[in-house]
């Protein structure tokens, strides 16, 4: 699902994770729903894809939880 062979790239976690990173760029720290809404302004994605992409970013240590808010790792 990260880079699937039989699915359009727009549905991959890698592609959608880039929009989450873009929403967090500039040192922003957001709660879950605020981040989802900010990401939806950039790309309309279902919440299920958003959660899977966000989980992937946590596992890859691209983002972390800081006092209940999500932010990019430095």
N, C-alpha and C. Protein backbone atom coordinates (compact mmCIF):
# COMPACT_ATOMS: atom_id res chain seq x y z
N UNK A 1 0.81 -1.19 0.00
CA UNK A 1 0.00 0.00 0.00
C UNK A 1 0.86 1.26 0.00
N UNK A 2 2.11 1.14 0.42
CA UNK A 2 2.98 2.31 0.34
C UNK A 2 3.18 2.72 -1.10
N UNK A 3 3.63 1.80 -1.91
CA UNK A 3 3.80 2.03 -3.34
C UNK A 3 3.21 0.84 -4.09
N UNK A 4 1.90 0.74 -4.17
CA UNK A 4 1.27 -0.43 -4.79
C UNK A 4 1.46 -0.44 -6.30
N UNK A 5 1.50 -1.64 -6.84
CA UNK A 5 1.68 -1.79 -8.28
C UNK A 5 0.35 -1.72 -9.04
N UNK A 6 -0.73 -2.15 -8.40
CA UNK A 6 -2.00 -2.26 -9.09
C UNK A 6 -3.01 -1.18 -8.71
N UNK A 7 -2.57 -0.12 -8.05
CA UNK A 7 -3.45 0.95 -7.60
C UNK A 7 -2.87 2.27 -8.09
N UNK A 8 -3.75 3.23 -8.35
CA UNK A 8 -3.28 4.54 -8.76
C UNK A 8 -2.39 5.15 -7.67
N UNK A 9 -1.33 5.83 -8.03
CA UNK A 9 -0.43 6.43 -7.05
C UNK A 9 -1.13 7.39 -6.09
N UNK A 10 -2.21 8.03 -6.54
CA UNK A 10 -2.93 8.97 -5.69
C UNK A 10 -3.56 8.29 -4.47
N UNK A 11 -3.68 6.97 -4.50
CA UNK A 11 -4.26 6.23 -3.38
C UNK A 11 -3.21 5.61 -2.48
N UNK A 12 -1.94 5.87 -2.73
CA UNK A 12 -0.89 5.27 -1.92
C UNK A 12 -0.65 6.09 -0.65
N UNK A 13 -0.16 5.43 0.37
CA UNK A 13 0.14 6.11 1.63
C UNK A 13 1.31 7.07 1.45
N UNK A 14 2.24 6.72 0.61
CA UNK A 14 3.39 7.57 0.33
C UNK A 14 2.94 8.91 -0.25
N UNK A 15 2.05 8.87 -1.21
CA UNK A 15 1.55 10.08 -1.87
C UNK A 15 0.75 10.94 -0.89
N UNK A 16 -0.17 10.31 -0.15
CA UNK A 16 -1.01 11.05 0.78
C UNK A 16 -0.24 11.52 2.00
N UNK A 17 0.78 10.79 2.39
CA UNK A 17 1.64 11.23 3.50
C UNK A 17 2.34 12.54 3.18
N UNK A 18 2.65 12.77 1.93
CA UNK A 18 3.30 14.02 1.52
C UNK A 18 2.39 15.22 1.79
N UNK A 19 1.08 15.04 1.63
CA UNK A 19 0.15 16.13 1.91
C UNK A 19 0.05 16.40 3.41
N UNK A 20 0.15 15.36 4.22
CA UNK A 20 0.16 15.55 5.67
C UNK A 20 1.41 16.32 6.08
N UNK A 21 2.54 15.95 5.51
CA UNK A 21 3.78 16.67 5.80
C UNK A 21 3.68 18.12 5.37
N UNK A 22 3.07 18.36 4.22
CA UNK A 22 2.90 19.73 3.74
C UNK A 22 2.02 20.53 4.69
N UNK A 23 0.98 19.90 5.22
CA UNK A 23 0.09 20.60 6.16
C UNK A 23 0.81 20.95 7.46
N UNK A 24 1.81 20.14 7.83
CA UNK A 24 2.56 20.38 9.07
C UNK A 24 3.81 21.23 8.85
N UNK A 25 4.13 21.57 7.62
CA UNK A 25 5.36 22.31 7.35
C UNK A 25 5.32 23.69 7.99
N UNK A 26 6.49 24.22 8.24
CA UNK A 26 6.58 25.54 8.87
C UNK A 26 6.55 25.47 10.38
N UNK A 27 6.82 24.30 10.95
CA UNK A 27 6.87 24.16 12.39
C UNK A 27 5.52 24.14 13.07
N UNK A 28 4.46 23.85 12.33
CA UNK A 28 3.12 23.81 12.91
C UNK A 28 2.95 22.57 13.79
N UNK A 29 2.13 22.70 14.80
CA UNK A 29 1.75 21.61 15.68
C UNK A 29 0.23 21.62 15.75
N UNK A 30 -0.41 20.50 15.42
CA UNK A 30 -1.88 20.45 15.34
C UNK A 30 -2.43 19.21 16.00
N UNK A 31 -3.66 19.33 16.45
CA UNK A 31 -4.40 18.17 16.92
C UNK A 31 -4.83 17.33 15.73
N UNK A 32 -5.35 16.15 16.03
CA UNK A 32 -5.70 15.20 14.97
C UNK A 32 -6.71 15.78 13.98
N UNK A 33 -7.83 16.28 14.48
CA UNK A 33 -8.88 16.78 13.57
C UNK A 33 -8.44 18.05 12.85
N UNK A 34 -7.69 18.91 13.53
CA UNK A 34 -7.18 20.12 12.86
C UNK A 34 -6.24 19.75 11.73
N UNK A 35 -5.41 18.74 11.96
CA UNK A 35 -4.50 18.28 10.91
C UNK A 35 -5.28 17.67 9.76
N UNK A 36 -6.31 16.90 10.07
CA UNK A 36 -7.12 16.30 9.01
C UNK A 36 -7.78 17.38 8.17
N UNK A 37 -8.34 18.39 8.80
CA UNK A 37 -9.00 19.46 8.07
C UNK A 37 -8.00 20.28 7.24
N UNK A 38 -6.81 20.52 7.78
CA UNK A 38 -5.78 21.24 7.03
C UNK A 38 -5.31 20.42 5.84
N UNK A 39 -5.22 19.11 6.01
CA UNK A 39 -4.81 18.24 4.91
C UNK A 39 -5.89 18.18 3.84
N UNK A 40 -7.15 18.15 4.26
CA UNK A 40 -8.26 18.12 3.29
C UNK A 40 -8.32 19.40 2.47
N UNK A 41 -7.82 20.50 2.98
CA UNK A 41 -7.77 21.73 2.18
C UNK A 41 -6.77 21.57 1.04
N UNK A 42 -5.75 20.75 1.25
CA UNK A 42 -4.74 20.52 0.21
C UNK A 42 -5.16 19.41 -0.75
N UNK A 43 -5.77 18.36 -0.20
CA UNK A 43 -6.20 17.20 -1.00
C UNK A 43 -7.38 16.55 -0.32
N UNK A 44 -8.42 16.29 -1.09
CA UNK A 44 -9.60 15.63 -0.55
C UNK A 44 -9.32 14.14 -0.42
N UNK A 45 -9.12 13.68 0.83
CA UNK A 45 -8.86 12.26 1.04
C UNK A 45 -9.77 11.73 2.14
N UNK A 46 -10.19 10.48 2.01
CA UNK A 46 -11.03 9.90 3.06
C UNK A 46 -10.25 9.80 4.37
N UNK A 47 -10.97 9.83 5.48
CA UNK A 47 -10.30 9.78 6.78
C UNK A 47 -9.56 8.46 6.98
N UNK A 48 -10.05 7.38 6.38
CA UNK A 48 -9.36 6.09 6.50
C UNK A 48 -7.96 6.15 5.89
N UNK A 49 -7.83 6.75 4.72
CA UNK A 49 -6.52 6.90 4.07
C UNK A 49 -5.66 7.84 4.89
N UNK A 50 -6.25 8.91 5.42
CA UNK A 50 -5.52 9.85 6.26
C UNK A 50 -4.92 9.15 7.48
N UNK A 51 -5.72 8.34 8.16
CA UNK A 51 -5.25 7.64 9.35
C UNK A 51 -4.13 6.66 9.00
N UNK A 52 -4.29 5.91 7.91
CA UNK A 52 -3.24 4.97 7.51
C UNK A 52 -1.95 5.70 7.14
N UNK A 53 -2.06 6.81 6.42
CA UNK A 53 -0.88 7.59 6.04
C UNK A 53 -0.22 8.20 7.27
N UNK A 54 -1.03 8.68 8.21
CA UNK A 54 -0.49 9.26 9.45
C UNK A 54 0.21 8.18 10.28
N UNK A 55 -0.38 6.99 10.36
CA UNK A 55 0.27 5.88 11.06
C UNK A 55 1.61 5.55 10.43
N UNK A 56 1.66 5.55 9.11
CA UNK A 56 2.91 5.28 8.41
C UNK A 56 3.95 6.35 8.76
N UNK A 57 3.54 7.61 8.83
CA UNK A 57 4.47 8.68 9.18
C UNK A 57 4.97 8.54 10.61
N UNK A 58 4.12 8.09 11.53
CA UNK A 58 4.56 7.82 12.90
C UNK A 58 5.58 6.69 12.92
N UNK A 59 5.31 5.61 12.20
CA UNK A 59 6.22 4.46 12.16
C UNK A 59 7.56 4.83 11.53
N UNK A 60 7.53 5.71 10.56
CA UNK A 60 8.76 6.14 9.88
C UNK A 60 9.46 7.26 10.65
N UNK A 61 8.93 7.62 11.81
CA UNK A 61 9.44 8.70 12.67
C UNK A 61 9.58 10.04 11.94
N UNK A 62 8.63 10.30 11.08
CA UNK A 62 8.56 11.59 10.39
C UNK A 62 7.79 12.58 11.25
N UNK A 63 6.78 12.10 11.97
CA UNK A 63 5.99 12.92 12.87
C UNK A 63 6.01 12.28 14.26
N UNK A 64 5.71 13.10 15.26
CA UNK A 64 5.60 12.57 16.62
C UNK A 64 4.53 13.35 17.38
N UNK A 65 4.15 12.81 18.53
CA UNK A 65 3.12 13.40 19.37
C UNK A 65 3.79 14.25 20.43
N UNK A 66 3.41 15.51 20.47
CA UNK A 66 3.96 16.44 21.46
C UNK A 66 2.80 17.02 22.27
N UNK A 67 2.57 16.50 23.46
CA UNK A 67 1.51 16.97 24.36
C UNK A 67 0.13 16.93 23.68
N UNK A 68 -0.16 15.86 22.96
CA UNK A 68 -1.45 15.72 22.31
C UNK A 68 -1.54 16.33 20.93
N UNK A 69 -0.51 17.00 20.48
CA UNK A 69 -0.48 17.57 19.15
C UNK A 69 0.52 16.83 18.28
N UNK A 70 0.27 16.82 17.00
CA UNK A 70 1.14 16.14 16.05
C UNK A 70 2.04 17.18 15.40
N UNK A 71 3.32 16.88 15.33
CA UNK A 71 4.26 17.79 14.68
C UNK A 71 5.36 17.00 13.99
N UNK A 72 6.06 17.66 13.08
CA UNK A 72 7.17 17.01 12.38
C UNK A 72 8.34 16.81 13.32
N UNK A 73 9.04 15.71 13.15
CA UNK A 73 10.26 15.47 13.92
C UNK A 73 11.35 16.39 13.39
N UNK A 74 12.19 16.82 14.28
CA UNK A 74 13.28 17.70 13.84
C UNK A 74 14.56 16.95 13.64
